[in-house]
Amino acid sequence: MNQEIQQQIDTLKASLTGNFMDDMEVRDKIHNLEMKLNGVRPMSSEIECVGCGS
C-alpha cells in the first residue's frame, strides 16, 4: 500500500510544471497522499487537510 501511494506521489511530482497556479491542484493531491503515507491528519479532523487549510 505504501509503495503504491509513493508511486502516485512520484508520478504527480513528475507532472508539476513549475507554475504555481497550474500546480495547485496537483500539489494538493500530493499533500493528501503524503499525509496518508505518513499517517498524519490534523487533530480532531475527520476530513483530511481541513485543519491545515490545504
C-alpha atoms as a PDB file:
ATOM      1  CA  MET A   1       0.000   0.000   0.000  1.00  0.00           C
ATOM      2  CA  ASN A   2       2.761   2.474   0.926  1.00  0.00           C
ATOM      3  CA  GLN A   3       4.662   1.696  -2.272  1.00  0.00           C
ATOM      4  CA  GLU A   4       1.519   2.350  -4.300  1.00  0.00           C
ATOM      5  CA  ILE A   5       0.979   5.705  -2.591  1.00  0.00           C
ATOM      6  CA  GLN A   6       4.639   6.649  -3.084  1.00  0.00           C
ATOM      7  CA  GLN A   7       4.391   5.788  -6.789  1.00  0.00           C
ATOM      8  CA  GLN A   8       1.338   8.046  -7.106  1.00  0.00           C
ATOM      9  CA  ILE A   9       3.251  10.854  -5.363  1.00  0.00           C
ATOM     10  CA  ASP A  10       6.241  10.388  -7.666  1.00  0.00           C
ATOM     11  CA  THR A  11       4.013  10.451 -10.744  1.00  0.00           C
ATOM     12  CA  LEU A  12       2.286  13.614  -9.581  1.00  0.00           C
ATOM     13  CA  LYS A  13       5.609  15.312  -8.747  1.00  0.00           C
ATOM     14  CA  ALA A  14       6.875  14.482 -12.245  1.00  0.00           C
ATOM     15  CA  SER A  15       3.839  16.259 -13.718  1.00  0.00           C
ATOM     16  CA  LEU A  16       4.490  19.576 -11.925  1.00  0.00           C
ATOM     17  CA  THR A  17       5.022  22.447 -14.345  1.00  0.00           C
ATOM     18  CA  GLY A  18       6.686  24.970 -12.043  1.00  0.00           C
ATOM     19  CA  ASN A  19       3.740  27.356 -12.469  1.00  0.00           C
ATOM     20  CA  PHE A  20       2.229  27.834  -9.010  1.00  0.00           C
ATOM     21  CA  MET A  21      -1.316  28.432 -10.236  1.00  0.00           C
ATOM     22  CA  ASP A  22      -1.285  25.470 -12.614  1.00  0.00           C
ATOM     23  CA  ASP A  23       0.248  23.171  -9.999  1.00  0.00           C
ATOM     24  CA  MET A  24      -2.060  23.976  -7.073  1.00  0.00           C
ATOM     25  CA  GLU A  25      -4.434  21.057  -7.652  1.00  0.00           C
ATOM     26  CA  VAL A  26      -1.563  18.604  -8.186  1.00  0.00           C
ATOM     27  CA  ARG A  27       0.244  19.867  -5.074  1.00  0.00           C
ATOM     28  CA  ASP A  28      -2.957  19.406  -3.064  1.00  0.00           C
ATOM     29  CA  LYS A  29      -3.190  15.788  -4.230  1.00  0.00           C
ATOM     30  CA  ILE A  30       0.486  15.234  -3.350  1.00  0.00           C
ATOM     31  CA  HIS A  31      -0.087  16.738   0.095  1.00  0.00           C
ATOM     32  CA  ASN A  32      -3.096  14.484   0.753  1.00  0.00           C
ATOM     33  CA  LEU A  33      -1.188  11.381  -0.356  1.00  0.00           C
ATOM     34  CA  GLU A  34       1.834  12.312   1.789  1.00  0.00           C
ATOM     35  CA  MET A  35      -0.443  12.713   4.796  1.00  0.00           C
ATOM     36  CA  LYS A  36      -1.903   9.267   4.127  1.00  0.00           C
ATOM     37  CA  LEU A  37       1.562   7.791   3.651  1.00  0.00           C
ATOM     38  CA  ASN A  38       2.833   9.261   6.919  1.00  0.00           C
ATOM     39  CA  GLY A  39      -0.359   8.563   8.843  1.00  0.00           C
ATOM     40  CA  VAL A  40      -0.736  12.263   9.650  1.00  0.00           C
ATOM     41  CA  ARG A  41      -4.005  14.111   9.936  1.00  0.00           C
ATOM     42  CA  PRO A  42      -4.866  17.358  11.649  1.00  0.00           C
ATOM     43  CA  MET A  43      -6.097  16.753  15.194  1.00  0.00           C
ATOM     44  CA  SER A  44      -9.866  16.454  15.599  1.00  0.00           C
ATOM     45  CA  SER A  45     -10.300  16.465  11.837  1.00  0.00           C
ATOM     46  CA  GLU A  46     -12.413  13.805  10.242  1.00  0.00           C
ATOM     47  CA  ILE A  47     -11.656  15.132   6.765  1.00  0.00           C
ATOM     48  CA  GLU A  48      -8.076  15.302   5.573  1.00  0.00           C
ATOM     49  CA  CYS A  49      -6.491  18.755   5.409  1.00  0.00           C
ATOM     50  CA  VAL A  50      -9.390  20.732   6.859  1.00  0.00           C
ATOM     51  CA  GLY A  51      -7.264  21.556   9.902  1.00  0.00           C
ATOM     52  CA  CYS A  52      -4.323  22.885   7.902  1.00  0.00           C
ATOM     53  CA  GLY A  53      -6.389  24.698   5.288  1.00  0.00           C
ATOM     54  CA  SER A  54      -4.966  22.886   2.269  1.00  0.00           C
END
